[in-house]
Amino acid sequence: GKLPGYAIVRTLFAGVAPTDKPVGVALVEMENMHVIAFVMERHADGYLTIFLPSAPTPAVGSVYFAREDKVQTIDVSLKDAMMCISRLGVGADKLLAVATRPNARA
């Protein structure tokens, strides 16, 4: 309740995420850098629908389609990712530590 927009985003994601697999937090390679994103859907053609949240308001952002090889899912909670975004990147060490582990790519 203390994280701005968290309840809204969690509710939105709960309504659109597949019931058998929750929305995943990911790092997406874009223009020689990585951005925090949420995987919304996987497609049979190898593309993913991703939501790129804006900082410092993660409830606002843009929808993109990315090739799966450009998306690295990471094992962090939606709340941890949103906290990092809300704090303008402070706390990214936790996300990056998970991303650098072997087999972090899903």
Protein backbone atom coordinates (compact mmCIF):
# COMPACT_ATOMS: atom_id res chain seq x y z
CA GLY A 1 0.00 0.00 0.00
CA LYS A 2 2.96 2.36 0.48
CA LEU A 3 4.31 1.95 -3.05
CA PRO A 4 2.61 4.38 -5.44
CA GLY A 5 0.71 2.56 -8.14
CA TYR A 6 1.56 -0.94 -6.87
CA ALA A 7 -2.03 -1.94 -6.10
CA ILE A 8 -3.20 -0.64 -9.49
CA VAL A 9 -0.50 -2.44 -11.45
CA ARG A 10 -0.89 -5.66 -9.45
CA THR A 11 -4.64 -5.61 -10.11
CA LEU A 12 -4.14 -4.87 -13.82
CA PHE A 13 -1.57 -7.65 -14.19
CA ALA A 14 -3.74 -10.11 -12.28
CA GLY A 15 -6.52 -9.49 -14.80
CA VAL A 16 -4.41 -10.02 -17.92
CA ALA A 17 -1.73 -12.47 -16.89
CA PRO A 18 -2.28 -16.11 -17.81
CA THR A 19 -3.66 -17.98 -14.83
CA ASP A 20 -1.07 -20.75 -15.07
CA LYS A 21 1.94 -18.41 -15.05
CA PRO A 22 2.17 -14.98 -13.43
CA VAL A 23 3.67 -11.92 -15.08
CA GLY A 24 7.44 -12.15 -15.11
CA VAL A 25 9.95 -9.43 -14.35
CA ALA A 26 12.59 -9.14 -17.04
CA LEU A 27 15.49 -7.17 -18.38
CA VAL A 28 15.08 -6.33 -22.06
CA GLU A 29 17.98 -5.48 -24.33
CA MET A 30 17.27 -2.19 -26.14
CA GLU A 31 19.80 -0.03 -27.96
CA ASN A 32 22.90 -1.40 -26.20
CA MET A 33 21.35 -1.23 -22.73
CA HIS A 34 18.88 -3.14 -20.59
CA VAL A 35 15.53 -1.91 -19.25
CA ILE A 36 13.22 -3.34 -16.59
CA ALA A 37 10.06 -4.79 -18.10
CA PHE A 38 7.17 -7.08 -17.29
CA VAL A 39 6.43 -10.03 -19.56
CA MET A 40 2.72 -10.00 -20.23
CA GLU A 41 2.34 -12.72 -22.84
CA ARG A 42 4.34 -15.29 -24.79
CA HIS A 43 3.52 -15.91 -28.44
CA ALA A 44 4.04 -19.03 -30.57
CA ASP A 45 6.18 -17.08 -33.06
CA GLY A 46 8.92 -16.42 -30.48
CA TYR A 47 7.82 -12.91 -29.56
CA LEU A 48 6.77 -11.66 -26.15
CA THR A 49 4.40 -8.86 -25.25
CA ILE A 50 6.22 -6.72 -22.71
CA PHE A 51 5.20 -3.71 -20.64
CA LEU A 52 7.93 -1.12 -20.03
CA PRO A 53 7.00 0.89 -16.95
CA SER A 54 7.97 4.53 -16.58
CA ALA A 55 9.93 5.90 -13.63
CA PRO A 56 8.98 6.95 -11.07
CA THR A 57 5.41 5.82 -11.81
CA PRO A 58 5.47 2.13 -12.78
CA ALA A 59 1.71 2.06 -13.36
CA VAL A 60 2.36 4.09 -16.52
CA GLY A 61 4.38 2.85 -19.46
CA SER A 62 4.34 1.42 -22.95
CA VAL A 63 3.61 -1.94 -24.55
CA TYR A 64 6.21 -3.47 -26.88
CA PHE A 65 6.79 -6.74 -28.68
CA ALA A 66 10.25 -8.24 -28.35
CA ARG A 67 12.00 -11.33 -29.61
CA GLU A 68 12.46 -13.82 -26.80
CA ASP A 69 16.25 -13.78 -27.23
CA LYS A 70 16.29 -10.08 -26.22
CA VAL A 71 14.38 -10.72 -22.97
CA GLN A 72 15.98 -12.13 -19.83
CA THR A 73 13.43 -13.03 -17.18
CA ILE A 74 14.71 -12.58 -13.66
CA ASP A 75 13.59 -14.15 -10.42
CA VAL A 76 12.50 -11.08 -8.45
CA SER A 77 9.08 -10.10 -7.22
CA LEU A 78 6.86 -7.58 -8.95
CA LYS A 79 7.05 -5.51 -5.77
CA ASP A 80 10.88 -5.44 -5.76
CA ALA A 81 10.97 -4.41 -9.41
CA MET A 82 8.40 -1.69 -8.86
CA MET A 83 10.29 -0.38 -5.82
CA CYS A 84 13.42 -0.05 -7.95
CA ILE A 85 11.50 1.82 -10.64
CA SER A 86 9.77 4.10 -8.11
CA ARG A 87 13.13 4.94 -6.57
CA LEU A 88 14.62 5.87 -9.97
CA GLY A 89 16.86 2.80 -10.07
CA VAL A 90 18.00 2.75 -6.46
CA GLY A 91 18.13 -0.88 -5.36
CA ALA A 92 18.95 -2.22 -8.83
CA ASP A 93 21.77 -4.32 -7.35
CA LYS A 94 19.20 -6.90 -6.25
CA LEU A 95 17.76 -7.17 -9.78
CA LEU A 96 21.15 -7.22 -11.50
CA ALA A 97 22.55 -9.85 -9.11
CA VAL A 98 19.75 -12.20 -10.11
CA ALA A 99 20.22 -11.39 -13.79
CA THR A 100 23.88 -12.32 -13.76
CA ARG A 101 23.30 -15.81 -12.36
CA PRO A 102 23.73 -18.70 -14.80
CA ASN A 103 20.45 -19.90 -16.31
CA ALA A 104 18.67 -16.66 -15.43
CA ARG A 105 17.31 -16.48 -18.98
CA ALA A 106 13.92 -18.16 -19.31
